[in-house]
N, C-alpha and C. Protein backbone atom coordinates (compact mmCIF):
# COMPACT_ATOMS: atom_id res chain seq x y z
N UNK A 1 17.02 84.88 -25.27
CA UNK A 1 16.21 85.98 -25.78
C UNK A 1 15.27 86.42 -24.66
N UNK A 2 15.32 87.69 -24.32
CA UNK A 2 14.54 88.17 -23.17
C UNK A 2 13.09 88.47 -23.56
N UNK A 3 12.26 88.49 -22.54
CA UNK A 3 10.86 88.83 -22.74
C UNK A 3 10.74 90.27 -23.25
N UNK A 4 11.61 91.13 -22.77
CA UNK A 4 11.59 92.53 -23.21
C UNK A 4 11.84 92.63 -24.72
N UNK A 5 12.82 91.87 -25.23
CA UNK A 5 13.12 91.87 -26.66
C UNK A 5 11.94 91.33 -27.46
N UNK A 6 11.30 90.27 -26.98
CA UNK A 6 10.14 89.70 -27.66
C UNK A 6 9.00 90.71 -27.74
N UNK A 7 8.76 91.42 -26.63
CA UNK A 7 7.71 92.44 -26.62
C UNK A 7 8.01 93.55 -27.62
N UNK A 8 9.26 93.99 -27.64
CA UNK A 8 9.66 95.05 -28.57
C UNK A 8 9.44 94.61 -30.02
N UNK A 9 9.86 93.38 -30.33
CA UNK A 9 9.77 92.87 -31.70
C UNK A 9 8.33 92.74 -32.17
N UNK A 10 7.47 92.17 -31.34
CA UNK A 10 6.08 91.95 -31.76
C UNK A 10 5.34 93.29 -31.85
N UNK A 11 5.65 94.22 -30.97
CA UNK A 11 5.02 95.54 -31.02
C UNK A 11 5.43 96.26 -32.31
N UNK A 12 6.71 96.23 -32.61
CA UNK A 12 7.23 96.87 -33.82
C UNK A 12 6.60 96.25 -35.07
N UNK A 13 6.47 94.94 -35.06
CA UNK A 13 5.92 94.21 -36.20
C UNK A 13 4.48 94.63 -36.50
N UNK A 14 3.63 94.58 -35.49
CA UNK A 14 2.22 94.89 -35.72
C UNK A 14 1.99 96.39 -35.96
N UNK A 15 2.77 97.24 -35.32
CA UNK A 15 2.65 98.69 -35.58
C UNK A 15 3.05 99.00 -37.02
N UNK A 16 4.06 98.32 -37.53
CA UNK A 16 4.48 98.52 -38.91
C UNK A 16 3.39 98.10 -39.89
N UNK A 17 2.54 97.19 -39.46
CA UNK A 17 1.43 96.75 -40.30
C UNK A 17 0.20 97.64 -40.15
N UNK A 18 0.30 98.63 -39.29
CA UNK A 18 -0.78 99.60 -39.14
C UNK A 18 -1.82 99.28 -38.09
N UNK A 19 -1.52 98.34 -37.20
CA UNK A 19 -2.47 97.98 -36.17
C UNK A 19 -2.15 98.67 -34.85
N UNK A 20 -3.15 98.80 -34.01
CA UNK A 20 -2.96 99.35 -32.68
C UNK A 20 -2.47 98.23 -31.78
N UNK A 21 -1.37 98.47 -31.09
CA UNK A 21 -0.76 97.45 -30.23
C UNK A 21 -0.63 98.01 -28.82
N UNK A 22 -1.04 97.21 -27.86
CA UNK A 22 -0.86 97.60 -26.46
C UNK A 22 -0.12 96.46 -25.76
N UNK A 23 1.10 96.73 -25.34
CA UNK A 23 1.89 95.75 -24.60
C UNK A 23 1.87 96.20 -23.14
N UNK A 24 1.05 95.54 -22.37
CA UNK A 24 0.90 95.83 -20.94
C UNK A 24 0.10 94.68 -20.34
N UNK A 25 0.21 94.53 -19.05
CA UNK A 25 -0.58 93.49 -18.39
C UNK A 25 -2.06 93.87 -18.47
N UNK A 26 -2.83 92.98 -19.06
CA UNK A 26 -4.27 93.20 -19.21
C UNK A 26 -4.98 92.13 -18.40
N UNK A 27 -5.71 92.57 -17.40
CA UNK A 27 -6.40 91.65 -16.49
C UNK A 27 -7.67 91.11 -17.14
N UNK A 28 -7.82 89.79 -17.10
CA UNK A 28 -9.01 89.10 -17.63
C UNK A 28 -9.45 88.07 -16.60
N UNK A 29 -10.43 88.38 -15.82
CA UNK A 29 -10.90 87.44 -14.81
C UNK A 29 -9.80 87.11 -13.82
N UNK A 30 -9.42 85.85 -13.78
CA UNK A 30 -8.41 85.39 -12.83
C UNK A 30 -7.01 85.35 -13.41
N UNK A 31 -6.83 85.88 -14.58
CA UNK A 31 -5.52 85.80 -15.23
C UNK A 31 -5.18 87.13 -15.90
N UNK A 32 -3.98 87.19 -16.45
CA UNK A 32 -3.52 88.38 -17.18
C UNK A 32 -2.88 87.92 -18.48
N UNK A 33 -3.02 88.78 -19.51
CA UNK A 33 -2.27 88.56 -20.74
C UNK A 33 -1.27 89.69 -20.87
N UNK A 34 -0.27 89.51 -21.73
CA UNK A 34 0.81 90.49 -21.84
C UNK A 34 0.52 91.63 -22.81
N UNK A 35 -0.47 91.47 -23.67
CA UNK A 35 -0.77 92.54 -24.61
C UNK A 35 -1.87 92.16 -25.56
N UNK A 36 -2.17 93.11 -26.47
CA UNK A 36 -3.21 92.87 -27.46
C UNK A 36 -2.92 93.66 -28.72
N UNK A 37 -3.44 93.14 -29.84
CA UNK A 37 -3.39 93.81 -31.13
C UNK A 37 -4.84 94.03 -31.53
N UNK A 38 -5.15 95.27 -31.93
CA UNK A 38 -6.54 95.61 -32.24
C UNK A 38 -6.65 96.06 -33.69
N UNK A 39 -7.59 95.45 -34.39
CA UNK A 39 -7.89 95.83 -35.76
C UNK A 39 -9.37 96.17 -35.86
N UNK A 40 -9.86 96.33 -37.05
CA UNK A 40 -11.28 96.66 -37.25
C UNK A 40 -12.14 95.44 -36.98
N UNK A 41 -12.82 95.43 -35.86
CA UNK A 41 -13.72 94.34 -35.51
C UNK A 41 -13.07 93.10 -34.93
N UNK A 42 -11.80 93.14 -34.61
CA UNK A 42 -11.13 91.97 -34.03
C UNK A 42 -10.02 92.40 -33.08
N UNK A 43 -9.69 91.48 -32.16
CA UNK A 43 -8.59 91.69 -31.21
C UNK A 43 -7.83 90.38 -31.05
N UNK A 44 -6.51 90.48 -31.03
CA UNK A 44 -5.66 89.31 -30.79
C UNK A 44 -5.02 89.47 -29.42
N UNK A 45 -5.18 88.47 -28.57
CA UNK A 45 -4.53 88.46 -27.27
C UNK A 45 -3.10 87.94 -27.47
N UNK A 46 -2.14 88.59 -26.81
CA UNK A 46 -0.73 88.18 -26.92
C UNK A 46 -0.22 87.71 -25.57
N UNK A 47 0.41 86.58 -25.57
CA UNK A 47 1.09 86.07 -24.38
C UNK A 47 2.55 85.87 -24.77
N UNK A 48 3.43 86.62 -24.13
CA UNK A 48 4.86 86.60 -24.45
C UNK A 48 5.56 85.62 -23.52
N UNK A 49 6.30 84.68 -24.10
CA UNK A 49 7.01 83.67 -23.31
C UNK A 49 8.48 83.61 -23.74
N UNK A 50 9.37 83.87 -22.79
CA UNK A 50 10.79 83.73 -23.09
C UNK A 50 11.09 82.24 -23.26
N UNK A 51 12.23 81.89 -23.82
CA UNK A 51 12.54 80.48 -24.04
C UNK A 51 12.54 79.62 -22.78
N UNK A 52 12.68 80.22 -21.61
CA UNK A 52 12.70 79.43 -20.37
C UNK A 52 11.34 79.41 -19.67
N UNK A 53 10.37 80.17 -20.16
CA UNK A 53 9.03 80.19 -19.55
C UNK A 53 8.25 78.93 -19.88
N UNK A 54 7.22 78.67 -19.07
CA UNK A 54 6.34 77.53 -19.24
C UNK A 54 5.23 77.87 -20.24
N UNK A 55 5.22 77.22 -21.39
CA UNK A 55 4.20 77.49 -22.41
C UNK A 55 2.81 77.01 -21.99
N UNK A 56 2.75 75.98 -21.16
CA UNK A 56 1.46 75.42 -20.76
C UNK A 56 0.60 76.45 -20.04
N UNK A 57 1.20 77.22 -19.17
CA UNK A 57 0.46 78.26 -18.45
C UNK A 57 -0.06 79.30 -19.44
N UNK A 58 0.73 79.60 -20.46
CA UNK A 58 0.33 80.56 -21.48
C UNK A 58 -0.91 80.10 -22.24
N UNK A 59 -1.04 78.80 -22.47
CA UNK A 59 -2.21 78.28 -23.17
C UNK A 59 -3.48 78.53 -22.37
N UNK A 60 -3.40 78.36 -21.06
CA UNK A 60 -4.55 78.62 -20.20
C UNK A 60 -4.94 80.09 -20.22
N UNK A 61 -3.93 80.96 -20.23
CA UNK A 61 -4.19 82.40 -20.29
C UNK A 61 -4.87 82.77 -21.61
N UNK A 62 -4.43 82.16 -22.70
CA UNK A 62 -5.03 82.45 -24.00
C UNK A 62 -6.46 81.91 -24.09
N UNK A 63 -6.71 80.76 -23.50
CA UNK A 63 -8.07 80.21 -23.50
C UNK A 63 -9.01 81.15 -22.75
N UNK A 64 -8.54 81.70 -21.66
CA UNK A 64 -9.37 82.65 -20.91
C UNK A 64 -9.59 83.93 -21.71
N UNK A 65 -8.58 84.37 -22.46
CA UNK A 65 -8.72 85.56 -23.30
C UNK A 65 -9.82 85.36 -24.34
N UNK A 66 -9.87 84.18 -24.95
CA UNK A 66 -10.92 83.90 -25.92
C UNK A 66 -12.29 83.93 -25.26
N UNK A 67 -12.36 83.45 -24.01
CA UNK A 67 -13.63 83.48 -23.28
C UNK A 67 -14.06 84.92 -22.97
N UNK A 68 -13.11 85.84 -22.90
CA UNK A 68 -13.40 87.23 -22.63
C UNK A 68 -13.59 88.07 -23.90
N UNK A 69 -13.76 87.42 -25.04
CA UNK A 69 -14.14 88.14 -26.25
C UNK A 69 -13.06 88.42 -27.26
N UNK A 70 -11.84 87.95 -27.04
CA UNK A 70 -10.80 88.12 -28.06
C UNK A 70 -11.11 87.18 -29.22
N UNK A 71 -10.87 87.64 -30.44
CA UNK A 71 -11.18 86.82 -31.61
C UNK A 71 -10.06 85.86 -31.96
N UNK A 72 -8.86 86.14 -31.49
CA UNK A 72 -7.70 85.27 -31.75
C UNK A 72 -6.75 85.40 -30.58
N UNK A 73 -5.92 84.39 -30.40
CA UNK A 73 -4.95 84.39 -29.31
C UNK A 73 -3.63 83.84 -29.84
N UNK A 74 -2.52 84.40 -29.35
CA UNK A 74 -1.22 84.01 -29.86
C UNK A 74 -0.16 83.99 -28.76
N UNK A 75 0.67 82.97 -28.80
CA UNK A 75 1.86 82.94 -27.95
C UNK A 75 3.03 83.44 -28.80
N UNK A 76 3.84 84.30 -28.22
CA UNK A 76 5.03 84.83 -28.88
C UNK A 76 6.24 84.32 -28.11
N UNK A 77 7.16 83.65 -28.80
CA UNK A 77 8.37 83.14 -28.17
C UNK A 77 9.50 83.21 -29.20
N UNK A 78 10.65 82.69 -28.83
CA UNK A 78 11.77 82.69 -29.78
C UNK A 78 11.44 81.75 -30.93
N UNK A 79 11.98 82.03 -32.10
CA UNK A 79 11.73 81.21 -33.27
C UNK A 79 12.23 79.78 -33.04
N UNK A 80 13.37 79.64 -32.43
CA UNK A 80 13.93 78.31 -32.16
C UNK A 80 12.97 77.49 -31.30
N UNK A 81 12.46 78.09 -30.24
CA UNK A 81 11.53 77.39 -29.35
C UNK A 81 10.21 77.11 -30.05
N UNK A 82 9.73 78.06 -30.84
CA UNK A 82 8.45 77.89 -31.54
C UNK A 82 8.50 76.71 -32.50
N UNK A 83 9.64 76.50 -33.14
CA UNK A 83 9.77 75.39 -34.09
C UNK A 83 9.81 74.04 -33.39
N UNK A 84 10.09 74.02 -32.09
CA UNK A 84 10.16 72.77 -31.33
C UNK A 84 8.82 72.38 -30.70
N UNK A 85 7.85 73.27 -30.74
CA UNK A 85 6.56 73.04 -30.09
C UNK A 85 5.72 72.05 -30.88
N UNK A 86 5.06 71.13 -30.17
CA UNK A 86 4.13 70.20 -30.80
C UNK A 86 2.89 71.00 -31.25
N UNK A 87 2.56 70.98 -32.53
CA UNK A 87 1.47 71.83 -33.04
C UNK A 87 0.06 71.36 -32.68
N UNK A 88 -0.09 70.19 -32.11
CA UNK A 88 -1.40 69.61 -31.86
C UNK A 88 -2.32 70.53 -31.06
N UNK A 89 -1.85 71.05 -29.96
CA UNK A 89 -2.68 71.90 -29.10
C UNK A 89 -3.05 73.19 -29.83
N UNK A 90 -2.08 73.78 -30.51
CA UNK A 90 -2.35 75.03 -31.20
C UNK A 90 -3.37 74.84 -32.32
N UNK A 91 -3.25 73.75 -33.06
CA UNK A 91 -4.19 73.48 -34.15
C UNK A 91 -5.57 73.15 -33.60
N UNK A 92 -5.62 72.39 -32.52
CA UNK A 92 -6.90 72.00 -31.93
C UNK A 92 -7.67 73.19 -31.37
N UNK A 93 -6.97 74.11 -30.76
CA UNK A 93 -7.63 75.27 -30.14
C UNK A 93 -7.66 76.49 -31.05
N UNK A 94 -6.95 76.43 -32.17
CA UNK A 94 -6.94 77.54 -33.11
C UNK A 94 -6.05 78.71 -32.69
N UNK A 95 -5.08 78.45 -31.81
CA UNK A 95 -4.17 79.51 -31.38
C UNK A 95 -3.10 79.73 -32.45
N UNK A 96 -2.55 80.94 -32.45
CA UNK A 96 -1.41 81.25 -33.32
C UNK A 96 -0.14 81.10 -32.50
N UNK A 97 0.94 80.75 -33.16
CA UNK A 97 2.26 80.69 -32.53
C UNK A 97 3.19 81.55 -33.37
N UNK A 98 3.71 82.60 -32.75
CA UNK A 98 4.64 83.50 -33.43
C UNK A 98 6.03 83.29 -32.88
N UNK A 99 7.02 83.25 -33.76
CA UNK A 99 8.41 83.10 -33.37
C UNK A 99 9.19 84.34 -33.77
N UNK A 100 10.05 84.78 -32.88
CA UNK A 100 10.89 85.95 -33.15
C UNK A 100 12.33 85.47 -33.28
N UNK A 101 12.98 85.82 -34.40
CA UNK A 101 14.38 85.42 -34.57
C UNK A 101 15.31 86.43 -33.90
N UNK A 102 16.59 86.14 -33.94
CA UNK A 102 17.57 86.97 -33.20
C UNK A 102 17.69 88.38 -33.73
N UNK A 103 17.21 88.64 -34.95
CA UNK A 103 17.26 90.00 -35.49
C UNK A 103 15.96 90.77 -35.23
N UNK A 104 14.99 90.12 -34.57
CA UNK A 104 13.74 90.79 -34.24
C UNK A 104 12.65 90.63 -35.27
N UNK A 105 12.85 89.76 -36.25
CA UNK A 105 11.82 89.51 -37.26
C UNK A 105 10.80 88.52 -36.70
N UNK A 106 9.53 88.80 -36.96
CA UNK A 106 8.45 87.95 -36.45
C UNK A 106 8.01 86.99 -37.55
N UNK A 107 7.90 85.71 -37.20
CA UNK A 107 7.49 84.66 -38.13
C UNK A 107 6.22 84.00 -37.59
N UNK A 108 5.24 83.76 -38.47
CA UNK A 108 4.05 83.02 -38.08
C UNK A 108 4.40 81.54 -38.23
N UNK A 109 4.53 80.83 -37.11
CA UNK A 109 4.91 79.42 -37.12
C UNK A 109 3.68 78.53 -37.25
N UNK A 110 2.63 78.86 -36.54
CA UNK A 110 1.36 78.13 -36.63
C UNK A 110 0.24 79.14 -36.76
N UNK A 111 -0.77 78.91 -37.54
CA UNK A 111 -1.05 77.70 -38.30
C UNK A 111 -0.09 77.54 -39.47
N UNK A 112 0.34 76.30 -39.70
CA UNK A 112 1.37 76.00 -40.70
C UNK A 112 0.98 76.45 -42.11
N UNK A 113 -0.28 76.28 -42.46
CA UNK A 113 -0.68 76.63 -43.83
C UNK A 113 -0.65 78.14 -44.07
N UNK A 114 -0.45 78.92 -43.04
CA UNK A 114 -0.42 80.37 -43.17
C UNK A 114 0.96 80.95 -42.82
N UNK A 115 2.00 80.13 -42.93
CA UNK A 115 3.33 80.59 -42.55
C UNK A 115 3.77 81.73 -43.46
N UNK A 116 4.17 82.82 -42.86
CA UNK A 116 4.65 83.97 -43.60
C UNK A 116 5.94 84.44 -42.94
N UNK A 117 7.00 84.48 -43.68
CA UNK A 117 8.26 85.00 -43.17
C UNK A 117 8.37 86.44 -43.64
N UNK A 118 8.34 87.36 -42.70
CA UNK A 118 8.36 88.78 -43.05
C UNK A 118 9.75 89.32 -42.74
N UNK A 119 10.58 89.53 -43.77
CA UNK A 119 11.95 89.98 -43.53
C UNK A 119 12.01 91.35 -42.87
N UNK A 120 11.37 92.31 -43.43
CA UNK A 120 11.26 93.66 -42.86
C UNK A 120 9.89 94.16 -43.22
N UNK A 121 9.23 94.85 -42.33
CA UNK A 121 7.91 95.37 -42.69
C UNK A 121 8.00 96.24 -43.95
N UNK A 122 7.23 95.88 -44.94
CA UNK A 122 7.18 96.62 -46.19
C UNK A 122 5.73 96.63 -46.65
N UNK A 123 5.39 97.43 -47.63
CA UNK A 123 3.99 97.45 -48.09
C UNK A 123 3.48 96.06 -48.48
N UNK A 124 4.29 95.27 -49.17
CA UNK A 124 3.83 93.94 -49.58
C UNK A 124 3.70 93.01 -48.37
N UNK A 125 4.59 93.12 -47.39
CA UNK A 125 4.51 92.29 -46.19
C UNK A 125 3.29 92.69 -45.37
N UNK A 126 3.02 93.97 -45.30
CA UNK A 126 1.83 94.44 -44.58
C UNK A 126 0.58 93.84 -45.22
N UNK A 127 0.54 93.88 -46.52
CA UNK A 127 -0.62 93.35 -47.24
C UNK A 127 -0.75 91.84 -47.00
N UNK A 128 0.37 91.13 -47.01
CA UNK A 128 0.35 89.68 -46.80
C UNK A 128 -0.18 89.32 -45.42
N UNK A 129 0.26 90.03 -44.38
CA UNK A 129 -0.22 89.72 -43.04
C UNK A 129 -1.68 90.11 -42.88
N UNK A 130 -2.07 91.23 -43.46
CA UNK A 130 -3.49 91.62 -43.40
C UNK A 130 -4.36 90.57 -44.08
N UNK A 131 -3.92 90.04 -45.22
CA UNK A 131 -4.67 88.98 -45.90
C UNK A 131 -4.74 87.73 -45.04
N UNK A 132 -3.62 87.39 -44.36
CA UNK A 132 -3.62 86.22 -43.51
C UNK A 132 -4.60 86.39 -42.35
N UNK A 133 -4.62 87.58 -41.75
CA UNK A 133 -5.54 87.83 -40.65
C UNK A 133 -6.99 87.79 -41.13
N UNK A 134 -7.25 88.29 -42.32
CA UNK A 134 -8.59 88.22 -42.88
C UNK A 134 -9.03 86.78 -43.12
N UNK A 135 -8.09 85.91 -43.51
CA UNK A 135 -8.40 84.49 -43.70
C UNK A 135 -8.71 83.82 -42.36
N UNK A 136 -8.03 84.24 -41.31
CA UNK A 136 -8.23 83.63 -40.00
C UNK A 136 -9.56 84.01 -39.37
N UNK A 137 -10.05 85.19 -39.63
CA UNK A 137 -11.28 85.65 -39.01
C UNK A 137 -12.46 84.72 -39.28
N UNK A 138 -12.71 84.24 -40.51
CA UNK A 138 -13.83 83.32 -40.72
C UNK A 138 -13.66 82.01 -39.95
N UNK A 139 -12.43 81.57 -39.76
CA UNK A 139 -12.19 80.34 -39.00
C UNK A 139 -12.64 80.48 -37.56
N UNK A 140 -12.55 81.69 -37.04
CA UNK A 140 -12.92 81.94 -35.65
C UNK A 140 -14.43 82.02 -35.47
N UNK A 141 -15.15 82.27 -36.54
CA UNK A 141 -16.61 82.40 -36.46
C UNK A 141 -17.32 81.04 -36.42
N UNK A 142 -16.57 79.97 -36.60
CA UNK A 142 -17.18 78.62 -36.61
C UNK A 142 -17.68 78.25 -35.25
């Protein structure tokens, strides 16, 4: 699964939910992130990793994004790879892990208690993801 396909899928997903999405290299201090999702009063940093990319480097990029004022940070990779990742680091740092399946559907893999499988963007799916994001915002204020 190519990085280009992952970018297309995550952009389509968040745009269908009504959010502003920018997929481009965004410079933050000494690093860059691959994109961002912007909502009312919050921003999610996106780091796109193909199945052969190093996830460890992505974690450092996301940590820097949080230091630069992003309210949430997420790694986007293939669903197969996302399911193989040890959740400890993501849970400890509060990062999201999104997995994209071969048909381009985006799945929230971590945090586990907020897993939502969105088959196709629909009004009910949009509402479900918006509710999930609203639940995550108070966790970030701690």
